[in-house]
Amino acid sequence: MPLQRVIALVGPTAVGKTAVAVSLADALRPHGQRAVAVSADALQVYRGLSVLTGVATPEQQARLEHRLVSFLPIDASFSAAQYAELAHNEIDGLLREGRLPIVVGGTGLYLRAALADLSFRPPPDPEVRQSLLDELARLGPEALHARLGRAAPWAAQQIAATDSHRVVRALELHRSGALMPSGSDSELWTETTRHPTLLVGLVADREQLYASVDARVEAMLAAGVEHEVRTANAAGASATARQALGFEELLAGDVEAMKRRTRNYVRRQLTWMRKLPGLIAVDVGGRSSEQVADEIAARWLSG
């Protein structure tokens, strides 16, 4: 029996994580492994955003059960701390049943929240959050980023001026006295995990990834993602749900802006992946999901 009790698949948007996870479950089934995917995606939790967030299709879920997807009402707020509790319960329960958790994600914090015991900062004060969101709507993210730069220059240097979600959160933490100096988030990169884990990073040539992003956006449009986003907006999508890549851009009818934002996010994902200790990089370029899965299965079976 392999020493690793959990497999984690991480990779940038559009690299093909879901397809590889499904193929990996197929590859391990003849070896007596009953795999279940546990999503480590910050936005796939929302019911009604399955196309936009790339939730596994019904056909894929028929081959590999997926947990922690499409269960949260669109108007609900959600945090990494809440996710961690749910993910730990899922993973621990699967292991007790003798099943193999495959944690699948492209969100660094949520990946570590699933695999490790992290210390989480306090949840936002609703009044402070609303006040900052009102200012964001009135003044724009650059103005709030400038304020953060005056209050905590080291924090502002780490956050893009256009990243409104992180700017607002940093200002919240500063007001509460919980904004920690640079480097204090090192536990995000800890090698320690709750269970022995094979951590696999799916990578590909950057230009190939950009082409995959464009193709993915076009496939989303064909699948009705614009209607999905408008419906979610009309239903009162929460500030958290609205952080989904492309949400605001599709509301504005700017598909090219959605593609640009996604490509920028891919660059950031590749950057934080390089920091993950113990990561085994597997190149998916020019290979089928089955071929990639066979390589990962062989690594896991060899222990």
C-alpha atoms as a PDB file:
ATOM      1  CA  MET A   1       0.000   0.000   0.000  1.00  0.00           C
ATOM      2  CA  PRO A   2       1.423   3.426  -0.933  1.00  0.00           C
ATOM      3  CA  LEU A   3       2.566   5.626   1.930  1.00  0.00           C
ATOM      4  CA  GLN A   4       0.533   8.583   0.632  1.00  0.00           C
ATOM      5  CA  ARG A   5      -3.091   8.500   1.718  1.00  0.00           C
ATOM      6  CA  VAL A   6      -4.169  11.552  -0.286  1.00  0.00           C
ATOM      7  CA  ILE A   7      -3.435  12.768  -3.810  1.00  0.00           C
ATOM      8  CA  ALA A   8      -3.558  16.501  -4.503  1.00  0.00           C
ATOM      9  CA  LEU A   9      -3.757  17.783  -8.084  1.00  0.00           C
ATOM     10  CA  VAL A  10      -3.001  21.450  -8.461  1.00  0.00           C
ATOM     11  CA  GLY A  11      -2.512  23.555 -11.553  1.00  0.00           C
ATOM     12  CA  PRO A  12      -3.439  26.772 -13.325  1.00  0.00           C
ATOM     13  CA  THR A  13      -6.810  27.447 -14.861  1.00  0.00           C
ATOM     14  CA  ALA A  14      -7.451  25.533 -18.112  1.00  0.00           C
ATOM     15  CA  VAL A  15      -4.560  23.084 -17.614  1.00  0.00           C
ATOM     16  CA  GLY A  16      -7.024  20.177 -17.465  1.00  0.00           C
ATOM     17  CA  LYS A  17      -7.101  19.250 -13.765  1.00  0.00           C
ATOM     18  CA  THR A  18     -10.621  17.800 -13.803  1.00  0.00           C
ATOM     19  CA  ALA A  19     -10.006  15.591 -16.841  1.00  0.00           C
ATOM     20  CA  VAL A  20      -6.788  14.274 -15.295  1.00  0.00           C
ATOM     21  CA  ALA A  21      -8.521  13.612 -11.964  1.00  0.00           C
ATOM     22  CA  VAL A  22     -11.248  11.594 -13.699  1.00  0.00           C
ATOM     23  CA  SER A  23      -8.695   9.614 -15.688  1.00  0.00           C
ATOM     24  CA  LEU A  24      -6.637   9.064 -12.532  1.00  0.00           C
ATOM     25  CA  ALA A  25      -9.637   7.558 -10.761  1.00  0.00           C
ATOM     26  CA  ASP A  26     -10.114   5.239 -13.742  1.00  0.00           C
ATOM     27  CA  ALA A  27      -6.426   4.254 -13.686  1.00  0.00           C
ATOM     28  CA  LEU A  28      -6.469   3.436  -9.974  1.00  0.00           C
ATOM     29  CA  ARG A  29      -9.771   1.536  -9.935  1.00  0.00           C
ATOM     30  CA  PRO A  30      -8.198  -1.777 -11.125  1.00  0.00           C
ATOM     31  CA  HIS A  31      -5.841  -1.477  -8.133  1.00  0.00           C
ATOM     32  CA  GLY A  32      -8.755  -1.506  -5.722  1.00  0.00           C
ATOM     33  CA  GLN A  33      -8.867   2.246  -5.161  1.00  0.00           C
ATOM     34  CA  ARG A  34     -12.241   3.972  -4.884  1.00  0.00           C
ATOM     35  CA  ALA A  35     -11.390   7.609  -5.454  1.00  0.00           C
ATOM     36  CA  VAL A  36     -13.487  10.679  -4.669  1.00  0.00           C
ATOM     37  CA  ALA A  37     -12.560  14.194  -5.773  1.00  0.00           C
ATOM     38  CA  VAL A  38     -12.630  16.961  -3.157  1.00  0.00           C
ATOM     39  CA  SER A  39     -12.688  20.381  -4.783  1.00  0.00           C
ATOM     40  CA  ALA A  40     -10.239  22.978  -3.464  1.00  0.00           C
ATOM     41  CA  ASP A  41     -11.667  25.832  -5.497  1.00  0.00           C
ATOM     42  CA  ALA A  42     -12.894  29.002  -3.807  1.00  0.00           C
ATOM     43  CA  LEU A  43     -15.758  29.569  -6.267  1.00  0.00           C
ATOM     44  CA  GLN A  44     -16.896  26.096  -7.329  1.00  0.00           C
ATOM     45  CA  VAL A  45     -18.747  25.934  -4.005  1.00  0.00           C
ATOM     46  CA  TYR A  46     -21.527  28.137  -5.417  1.00  0.00           C
ATOM     47  CA  ARG A  47     -24.690  26.631  -6.814  1.00  0.00           C
ATOM     48  CA  GLY A  48     -25.551  28.319 -10.111  1.00  0.00           C
ATOM     49  CA  LEU A  49     -22.005  29.091 -11.300  1.00  0.00           C
ATOM     50  CA  SER A  50     -20.973  25.654 -12.537  1.00  0.00           C
ATOM     51  CA  VAL A  51     -20.181  26.755 -16.084  1.00  0.00           C
ATOM     52  CA  LEU A  52     -18.246  29.872 -15.069  1.00  0.00           C
ATOM     53  CA  THR A  53     -16.178  28.082 -12.407  1.00  0.00           C
ATOM     54  CA  GLY A  54     -15.538  24.910 -14.403  1.00  0.00           C
ATOM     55  CA  VAL A  55     -17.299  22.395 -12.189  1.00  0.00           C
ATOM     56  CA  ALA A  56     -16.994  18.822 -13.473  1.00  0.00           C
ATOM     57  CA  THR A  57     -19.730  17.945 -15.957  1.00  0.00           C
ATOM     58  CA  PRO A  58     -22.424  15.390 -15.075  1.00  0.00           C
ATOM     59  CA  GLU A  59     -20.612  12.889 -17.290  1.00  0.00           C
ATOM     60  CA  GLN A  60     -17.341  13.461 -15.424  1.00  0.00           C
ATOM     61  CA  GLN A  61     -19.072  13.230 -12.058  1.00  0.00           C
ATOM     62  CA  ALA A  62     -20.599   9.918 -13.117  1.00  0.00           C
ATOM     63  CA  ARG A  63     -17.036   8.568 -13.445  1.00  0.00           C
ATOM     64  CA  LEU A  64     -15.635  10.339 -10.376  1.00  0.00           C
ATOM     65  CA  GLU A  65     -17.749  11.657  -7.512  1.00  0.00           C
ATOM     66  CA  HIS A  66     -16.985  15.289  -6.666  1.00  0.00           C
ATOM     67  CA  ARG A  67     -17.465  16.778  -3.204  1.00  0.00           C
ATOM     68  CA  LEU A  68     -17.726  20.449  -2.150  1.00  0.00           C
ATOM     69  CA  VAL A  69     -19.055  21.685  -5.460  1.00  0.00           C
ATOM     70  CA  SER A  70     -22.303  23.567  -6.188  1.00  0.00           C
ATOM     71  CA  PHE A  71     -23.681  23.352  -2.649  1.00  0.00           C
ATOM     72  CA  LEU A  72     -23.720  26.977  -1.461  1.00  0.00           C
ATOM     73  CA  PRO A  73     -26.508  29.474  -2.290  1.00  0.00           C
ATOM     74  CA  ILE A  74     -25.335  32.208  -4.636  1.00  0.00           C
ATOM     75  CA  ASP A  75     -26.085  34.984  -2.129  1.00  0.00           C
ATOM     76  CA  ALA A  76     -24.014  33.413   0.687  1.00  0.00           C
ATOM     77  CA  SER A  77     -20.588  34.587   1.811  1.00  0.00           C
ATOM     78  CA  PHE A  78     -17.870  31.999   2.277  1.00  0.00           C
ATOM     79  CA  SER A  79     -14.386  31.912   3.756  1.00  0.00           C
ATOM     80  CA  ALA A  80     -11.314  29.705   3.653  1.00  0.00           C
ATOM     81  CA  ALA A  81     -11.808  28.901   7.338  1.00  0.00           C
ATOM     82  CA  GLN A  82     -15.311  27.584   6.651  1.00  0.00           C
ATOM     83  CA  TYR A  83     -13.975  25.635   3.704  1.00  0.00           C
ATOM     84  CA  ALA A  84     -11.159  24.093   5.777  1.00  0.00           C
ATOM     85  CA  GLU A  85     -13.607  22.602   8.269  1.00  0.00           C
ATOM     86  CA  LEU A  86     -15.711  21.089   5.485  1.00  0.00           C
ATOM     87  CA  ALA A  87     -12.697  19.791   3.559  1.00  0.00           C
ATOM     88  CA  HIS A  88     -11.129  18.184   6.631  1.00  0.00           C
ATOM     89  CA  ASN A  89     -14.413  16.444   7.419  1.00  0.00           C
ATOM     90  CA  GLU A  90     -14.705  15.156   3.851  1.00  0.00           C
ATOM     91  CA  ILE A  91     -11.122  13.923   3.633  1.00  0.00           C
ATOM     92  CA  ASP A  92     -11.141  12.307   7.079  1.00  0.00           C
ATOM     93  CA  GLY A  93     -14.485  10.631   6.385  1.00  0.00           C
ATOM     94  CA  LEU A  94     -13.282   9.239   3.044  1.00  0.00           C
ATOM     95  CA  LEU A  95     -10.139   7.818   4.643  1.00  0.00           C
ATOM     96  CA  ARG A  96     -12.202   6.131   7.370  1.00  0.00           C
ATOM     97  CA  GLU A  97     -14.269   4.507   4.607  1.00  0.00           C
ATOM     98  CA  GLY A  98     -11.119   3.229   2.914  1.00  0.00           C
ATOM     99  CA  ARG A  99     -11.515   5.561  -0.051  1.00  0.00           C
ATOM    100  CA  LEU A 100      -8.898   7.710  -1.765  1.00  0.00           C
ATOM    101  CA  PRO A 101      -9.377  11.501  -1.631  1.00  0.00           C
ATOM    102  CA  ILE A 102      -8.112  13.341  -4.714  1.00  0.00           C
ATOM    103  CA  VAL A 103      -7.971  17.020  -3.784  1.00  0.00           C
ATOM    104  CA  VAL A 104      -8.324  19.097  -6.962  1.00  0.00           C
ATOM    105  CA  GLY A 105      -7.770  22.827  -7.073  1.00  0.00           C
ATOM    106  CA  GLY A 106      -6.201  25.915  -8.488  1.00  0.00           C
ATOM    107  CA  THR A 107      -6.646  28.160  -5.452  1.00  0.00           C
ATOM    108  CA  GLY A 108      -3.509  28.182  -3.300  1.00  0.00           C
ATOM    109  CA  LEU A 109      -5.090  29.088   0.010  1.00  0.00           C
ATOM    110  CA  TYR A 110      -7.918  26.595  -0.396  1.00  0.00           C
ATOM    111  CA  LEU A 111      -5.489  23.847  -1.389  1.00  0.00           C
ATOM    112  CA  ARG A 112      -3.453  24.365   1.774  1.00  0.00           C
ATOM    113  CA  ALA A 113      -6.631  24.744   3.823  1.00  0.00           C
ATOM    114  CA  ALA A 114      -7.670  21.275   2.653  1.00  0.00           C
ATOM    115  CA  LEU A 115      -4.295  19.622   3.213  1.00  0.00           C
ATOM    116  CA  ALA A 116      -2.926  21.326   6.329  1.00  0.00           C
ATOM    117  CA  ASP A 117      -3.985  22.900   9.608  1.00  0.00           C
ATOM    118  CA  LEU A 118      -3.731  26.634   9.018  1.00  0.00           C
ATOM    119  CA  SER A 119      -4.326  29.527  11.377  1.00  0.00           C
ATOM    120  CA  PHE A 120      -7.030  31.753   9.961  1.00  0.00           C
ATOM    121  CA  ARG A 121      -7.470  35.430  10.521  1.00  0.00           C
ATOM    122  CA  PRO A 122     -10.739  36.742  11.947  1.00  0.00           C
ATOM    123  CA  PRO A 123     -13.800  36.963   9.682  1.00  0.00           C
ATOM    124  CA  PRO A 124     -14.646  40.448   8.413  1.00  0.00           C
ATOM    125  CA  ASP A 125     -16.813  42.738  10.482  1.00  0.00           C
ATOM    126  CA  PRO A 126     -20.011  43.119   8.377  1.00  0.00           C
ATOM    127  CA  GLU A 127     -20.241  46.869   8.958  1.00  0.00           C
ATOM    128  CA  VAL A 128     -16.587  47.481   8.109  1.00  0.00           C
ATOM    129  CA  ARG A 129     -16.854  45.272   5.031  1.00  0.00           C
ATOM    130  CA  GLN A 130     -19.958  47.085   3.779  1.00  0.00           C
ATOM    131  CA  SER A 131     -18.366  50.476   4.388  1.00  0.00           C
ATOM    132  CA  LEU A 132     -15.316  49.497   2.364  1.00  0.00           C
ATOM    133  CA  LEU A 133     -17.430  48.003  -0.412  1.00  0.00           C
ATOM    134  CA  ASP A 134     -19.405  51.248  -0.618  1.00  0.00           C
ATOM    135  CA  GLU A 135     -16.150  53.180  -0.908  1.00  0.00           C
ATOM    136  CA  LEU A 136     -14.914  50.717  -3.502  1.00  0.00           C
ATOM    137  CA  ALA A 137     -17.997  51.319  -5.640  1.00  0.00           C
ATOM    138  CA  ARG A 138     -17.695  55.079  -5.206  1.00  0.00           C
ATOM    139  CA  LEU A 139     -13.920  55.600  -5.486  1.00  0.00           C
ATOM    140  CA  GLY A 140     -12.615  52.530  -7.307  1.00  0.00           C
ATOM    141  CA  PRO A 141      -9.965  49.972  -6.297  1.00  0.00           C
ATOM    142  CA  GLU A 142      -6.985  52.214  -7.088  1.00  0.00           C
ATOM    143  CA  ALA A 143      -8.059  54.756  -4.466  1.00  0.00           C
ATOM    144  CA  LEU A 144      -8.414  52.067  -1.803  1.00  0.00           C
ATOM    145  CA  HIS A 145      -5.091  50.566  -2.847  1.00  0.00           C
ATOM    146  CA  ALA A 146      -3.466  53.981  -2.374  1.00  0.00           C
ATOM    147  CA  ARG A 147      -4.962  54.154   1.119  1.00  0.00           C
ATOM    148  CA  LEU A 148      -3.542  50.709   1.862  1.00  0.00           C
ATOM    149  CA  GLY A 149      -0.172  51.927   0.596  1.00  0.00           C
ATOM    150  CA  ARG A 150      -0.189  54.739   3.153  1.00  0.00           C
ATOM    151  CA  ALA A 151      -1.337  52.449   5.988  1.00  0.00           C
ATOM    152  CA  ALA A 152       0.710  49.334   5.222  1.00  0.00           C
ATOM    153  CA  PRO A 153       3.133  49.830   2.317  1.00  0.00           C
ATOM    154  CA  TRP A 154       4.476  46.265   2.512  1.00  0.00           C
ATOM    155  CA  ALA A 155       0.956  44.881   2.090  1.00  0.00           C
ATOM    156  CA  ALA A 156       0.161  47.163  -0.851  1.00  0.00           C
ATOM    157  CA  GLN A 157       3.321  46.021  -2.621  1.00  0.00           C
ATOM    158  CA  GLN A 158       2.035  42.435  -2.560  1.00  0.00           C
ATOM    159  CA  ILE A 159      -1.431  43.235  -3.947  1.00  0.00           C
ATOM    160  CA  ALA A 160      -2.267  44.501  -7.414  1.00  0.00           C
ATOM    161  CA  ALA A 161      -4.149  47.784  -7.436  1.00  0.00           C
ATOM    162  CA  THR A 162      -6.900  46.132  -9.489  1.00  0.00           C
ATOM    163  CA  ASP A 163      -7.370  43.211  -7.074  1.00  0.00           C
ATOM    164  CA  SER A 164     -10.310  44.785  -5.245  1.00  0.00           C
ATOM    165  CA  HIS A 165     -11.126  41.708  -3.137  1.00  0.00           C
ATOM    166  CA  ARG A 166      -7.661  41.480  -1.580  1.00  0.00           C
ATOM    167  CA  VAL A 167      -7.385  45.254  -1.171  1.00  0.00           C
ATOM    168  CA  VAL A 168     -10.654  45.357   0.776  1.00  0.00           C
ATOM    169  CA  ARG A 169      -9.638  42.374   2.912  1.00  0.00           C
ATOM    170  CA  ALA A 170      -6.257  43.928   3.723  1.00  0.00           C
ATOM    171  CA  LEU A 171      -7.915  47.169   4.822  1.00  0.00           C
ATOM    172  CA  GLU A 172     -10.331  45.177   6.990  1.00  0.00           C
ATOM    173  CA  LEU A 173      -7.468  43.370   8.668  1.00  0.00           C
ATOM    174  CA  HIS A 174      -5.572  46.630   9.153  1.00  0.00           C
ATOM    175  CA  ARG A 175      -8.544  48.207  10.905  1.00  0.00           C
ATOM    176  CA  SER A 176      -8.852  45.193  13.219  1.00  0.00           C
ATOM    177  CA  GLY A 177      -5.114  45.074  13.932  1.00  0.00           C
ATOM    178  CA  ALA A 178      -4.811  41.613  12.383  1.00  0.00           C
ATOM    179  CA  LEU A 179      -2.815  42.539   9.272  1.00  0.00           C
ATOM    180  CA  MET A 180       0.495  40.744   9.710  1.00  0.00           C
ATOM    181  CA  PRO A 181       3.860  41.910   8.314  1.00  0.00           C
ATOM    182  CA  SER A 182       5.303  40.397   5.163  1.00  0.00           C
ATOM    183  CA  GLY A 183       6.533  36.843   5.620  1.00  0.00           C
ATOM    184  CA  SER A 184       4.165  35.975   8.460  1.00  0.00           C
ATOM    185  CA  ASP A 185       2.014  33.893   6.110  1.00  0.00           C
ATOM    186  CA  SER A 186       4.811  31.323   5.712  1.00  0.00           C
ATOM    187  CA  GLU A 187       2.559  28.536   6.971  1.00  0.00           C
ATOM    188  CA  LEU A 188       0.791  28.766   3.618  1.00  0.00           C
ATOM    189  CA  TRP A 189       3.940  27.180   2.188  1.00  0.00           C
ATOM    190  CA  THR A 190       4.425  24.602   4.929  1.00  0.00           C
ATOM    191  CA  GLU A 191       5.420  21.123   3.869  1.00  0.00           C
ATOM    192  CA  THR A 192       3.399  19.682   6.741  1.00  0.00           C
ATOM    193  CA  THR A 193       0.086  18.063   5.811  1.00  0.00           C
ATOM    194  CA  ARG A 194      -2.590  16.418   7.927  1.00  0.00           C
ATOM    195  CA  HIS A 195      -2.187  13.150   6.006  1.00  0.00           C
ATOM    196  CA  PRO A 196       0.684  11.845   3.855  1.00  0.00           C
ATOM    197  CA  THR A 197       0.013  13.441   0.471  1.00  0.00           C
ATOM    198  CA  LEU A 198       1.321  13.107  -3.066  1.00  0.00           C
ATOM    199  CA  LEU A 199       1.273  16.709  -4.325  1.00  0.00           C
ATOM    200  CA  VAL A 200       1.235  16.894  -8.121  1.00  0.00           C
ATOM    201  CA  GLY A 201       1.415  20.149 -10.076  1.00  0.00           C
ATOM    202  CA  LEU A 202       0.120  20.043 -13.633  1.00  0.00           C
ATOM    203  CA  VAL A 203       2.102  22.417 -15.829  1.00  0.00           C
ATOM    204  CA  ALA A 204       2.292  23.355 -19.484  1.00  0.00           C
ATOM    205  CA  ASP A 205       3.930  25.909 -21.743  1.00  0.00           C
ATOM    206  CA  ARG A 206       2.544  29.353 -20.938  1.00  0.00           C
ATOM    207  CA  GLU A 207       1.466  30.073 -24.497  1.00  0.00           C
ATOM    208  CA  GLN A 208      -0.330  26.738 -24.573  1.00  0.00           C
ATOM    209  CA  LEU A 209      -2.109  27.679 -21.365  1.00  0.00           C
ATOM    210  CA  TYR A 210      -3.154  31.041 -22.800  1.00  0.00           C
ATOM    211  CA  ALA A 211      -4.574  29.300 -25.865  1.00  0.00           C
ATOM    212  CA  SER A 212      -6.433  26.900 -23.578  1.00  0.00           C
ATOM    213  CA  VAL A 213      -7.843  29.849 -21.625  1.00  0.00           C
ATOM    214  CA  ASP A 214      -9.212  31.419 -24.810  1.00  0.00           C
ATOM    215  CA  ALA A 215     -10.700  28.098 -25.931  1.00  0.00           C
ATOM    216  CA  ARG A 216     -12.220  27.544 -22.497  1.00  0.00           C
ATOM    217  CA  VAL A 217     -13.883  30.972 -22.498  1.00  0.00           C
ATOM    218  CA  GLU A 218     -15.340  30.320 -25.943  1.00  0.00           C
ATOM    219  CA  ALA A 219     -16.662  26.939 -24.755  1.00  0.00           C
ATOM    220  CA  MET A 220     -18.244  28.645 -21.732  1.00  0.00           C
ATOM    221  CA  LEU A 221     -19.979  31.129 -23.992  1.00  0.00           C
ATOM    222  CA  ALA A 222     -21.348  28.290 -26.098  1.00  0.00           C
ATOM    223  CA  ALA A 223     -22.571  26.606 -22.899  1.00  0.00           C
ATOM    224  CA  GLY A 224     -24.569  29.681 -21.838  1.00  0.00           C
ATOM    225  CA  VAL A 225     -22.258  31.244 -19.261  1.00  0.00           C
ATOM    226  CA  GLU A 226     -23.574  34.763 -19.932  1.00  0.00           C
ATOM    227  CA  HIS A 227     -27.096  33.705 -18.982  1.00  0.00           C
ATOM    228  CA  GLU A 228     -25.708  31.919 -15.913  1.00  0.00           C
ATOM    229  CA  VAL A 229     -23.941  35.067 -14.715  1.00  0.00           C
ATOM    230  CA  ARG A 230     -26.931  37.329 -15.354  1.00  0.00           C
ATOM    231  CA  THR A 231     -29.161  34.916 -13.435  1.00  0.00           C
ATOM    232  CA  ALA A 232     -26.708  34.838 -10.519  1.00  0.00           C
ATOM    233  CA  ASN A 233     -26.524  38.628 -10.503  1.00  0.00           C
ATOM    234  CA  ALA A 234     -30.314  38.930 -10.454  1.00  0.00           C
ATOM    235  CA  ALA A 235     -30.433  36.456  -7.549  1.00  0.00           C
ATOM    236  CA  GLY A 236     -28.224  38.731  -5.435  1.00  0.00           C
ATOM    237  CA  ALA A 237     -24.826  37.106  -5.841  1.00  0.00           C
ATOM    238  CA  SER A 238     -22.670  37.793  -2.789  1.00  0.00           C
ATOM    239  CA  ALA A 239     -19.448  39.804  -2.907  1.00  0.00           C
ATOM    240  CA  THR A 240     -17.580  36.506  -2.542  1.00  0.00           C
ATOM    241  CA  ALA A 241     -19.388  34.838  -5.450  1.00  0.00           C
ATOM    242  CA  ARG A 242     -18.795  37.863  -7.646  1.00  0.00           C
ATOM    243  CA  GLN A 243     -15.036  37.255  -7.378  1.00  0.00           C
ATOM    244  CA  ALA A 244     -15.379  34.382  -9.867  1.00  0.00           C
ATOM    245  CA  LEU A 245     -13.152  34.990 -12.872  1.00  0.00           C
ATOM    246  CA  GLY A 246     -15.205  36.649 -15.581  1.00  0.00           C
ATOM    247  CA  PHE A 247     -18.281  37.472 -13.482  1.00  0.00           C
ATOM    248  CA  GLU A 248     -18.062  41.252 -13.719  1.00  0.00           C
ATOM    249  CA  GLU A 249     -16.565  41.162 -17.211  1.00  0.00           C
ATOM    250  CA  LEU A 250     -19.460  39.101 -18.572  1.00  0.00           C
ATOM    251  CA  LEU A 251     -21.984  41.395 -16.919  1.00  0.00           C
ATOM    252  CA  ALA A 252     -20.325  44.220 -18.811  1.00  0.00           C
ATOM    253  CA  GLY A 253     -20.295  42.174 -22.017  1.00  0.00           C
ATOM    254  CA  ASP A 254     -16.490  42.352 -22.238  1.00  0.00           C
ATOM    255  CA  VAL A 255     -15.323  38.867 -23.213  1.00  0.00           C
ATOM    256  CA  GLU A 256     -11.808  40.036 -24.094  1.00  0.00           C
ATOM    257  CA  ALA A 257     -11.407  41.518 -20.600  1.00  0.00           C
ATOM    258  CA  MET A 258     -12.440  38.155 -19.160  1.00  0.00           C
ATOM    259  CA  LYS A 259      -9.739  36.424 -21.207  1.00  0.00           C
ATOM    260  CA  ARG A 260      -7.109  38.972 -20.117  1.00  0.00           C
ATOM    261  CA  ARG A 261      -8.015  38.648 -16.461  1.00  0.00           C
ATOM    262  CA  THR A 262      -7.881  34.859 -16.674  1.00  0.00           C
ATOM    263  CA  ARG A 263      -4.474  34.910 -18.365  1.00  0.00           C
ATOM    264  CA  ASN A 264      -3.184  37.229 -15.628  1.00  0.00           C
ATOM    265  CA  TYR A 265      -4.532  34.830 -13.019  1.00  0.00           C
ATOM    266  CA  VAL A 266      -2.745  31.927 -14.727  1.00  0.00           C
ATOM    267  CA  ARG A 267       0.540  33.827 -14.336  1.00  0.00           C
ATOM    268  CA  ARG A 268      -0.087  34.291 -10.615  1.00  0.00           C
ATOM    269  CA  GLN A 269      -1.015  30.622 -10.215  1.00  0.00           C
ATOM    270  CA  LEU A 270       2.221  29.523 -11.854  1.00  0.00           C
ATOM    271  CA  THR A 271       4.149  31.823  -9.504  1.00  0.00           C
ATOM    272  CA  TRP A 272       2.682  30.433  -6.284  1.00  0.00           C
ATOM    273  CA  MET A 273       2.938  26.867  -7.545  1.00  0.00           C
ATOM    274  CA  ARG A 274       6.706  27.297  -7.717  1.00  0.00           C
ATOM    275  CA  LYS A 275       6.687  27.998  -3.962  1.00  0.00           C
ATOM    276  CA  LEU A 276       4.891  24.790  -2.991  1.00  0.00           C
ATOM    277  CA  PRO A 277       7.306  22.497  -1.129  1.00  0.00           C
ATOM    278  CA  GLY A 278       7.266  18.871  -2.163  1.00  0.00           C
ATOM    279  CA  LEU A 279       5.490  19.588  -5.456  1.00  0.00           C
ATOM    280  CA  ILE A 280       6.057  17.070  -8.256  1.00  0.00           C
ATOM    281  CA  ALA A 281       5.627  18.873 -11.576  1.00  0.00           C
ATOM    282  CA  VAL A 282       4.015  16.879 -14.378  1.00  0.00           C
ATOM    283  CA  ASP A 283       3.968  18.409 -17.857  1.00  0.00           C
ATOM    284  CA  VAL A 284       0.658  17.860 -19.647  1.00  0.00           C
ATOM    285  CA  GLY A 285       1.806  19.373 -22.943  1.00  0.00           C
ATOM    286  CA  GLY A 286       0.937  17.220 -25.954  1.00  0.00           C
ATOM    287  CA  ARG A 287      -0.377  14.398 -23.777  1.00  0.00           C
ATOM    288  CA  SER A 288      -3.843  13.002 -23.165  1.00  0.00           C
ATOM    289  CA  SER A 289      -5.401  13.077 -19.707  1.00  0.00           C
ATOM    290  CA  GLU A 290      -5.066   9.280 -19.645  1.00  0.00           C
ATOM    291  CA  GLN A 291      -1.314   9.451 -20.280  1.00  0.00           C
ATOM    292  CA  VAL A 292      -0.834  12.045 -17.556  1.00  0.00           C
ATOM    293  CA  ALA A 293      -3.006  10.032 -15.166  1.00  0.00           C
ATOM    294  CA  ASP A 294      -1.001   6.878 -15.818  1.00  0.00           C
ATOM    295  CA  GLU A 295       2.203   8.679 -14.817  1.00  0.00           C
ATOM    296  CA  ILE A 296       0.633   9.982 -11.611  1.00  0.00           C
ATOM    297  CA  ALA A 297      -0.868   6.589 -10.795  1.00  0.00           C
ATOM    298  CA  ALA A 298       2.530   4.941 -11.220  1.00  0.00           C
ATOM    299  CA  ARG A 299       4.115   7.471  -8.855  1.00  0.00           C
ATOM    300  CA  TRP A 300       1.407   6.932  -6.245  1.00  0.00           C
ATOM    301  CA  LEU A 301       1.477   3.135  -6.488  1.00  0.00           C
ATOM    302  CA  SER A 302       5.273   3.138  -6.101  1.00  0.00           C
ATOM    303  CA  GLY A 303       4.902   5.069  -2.849  1.00  0.00           C
END
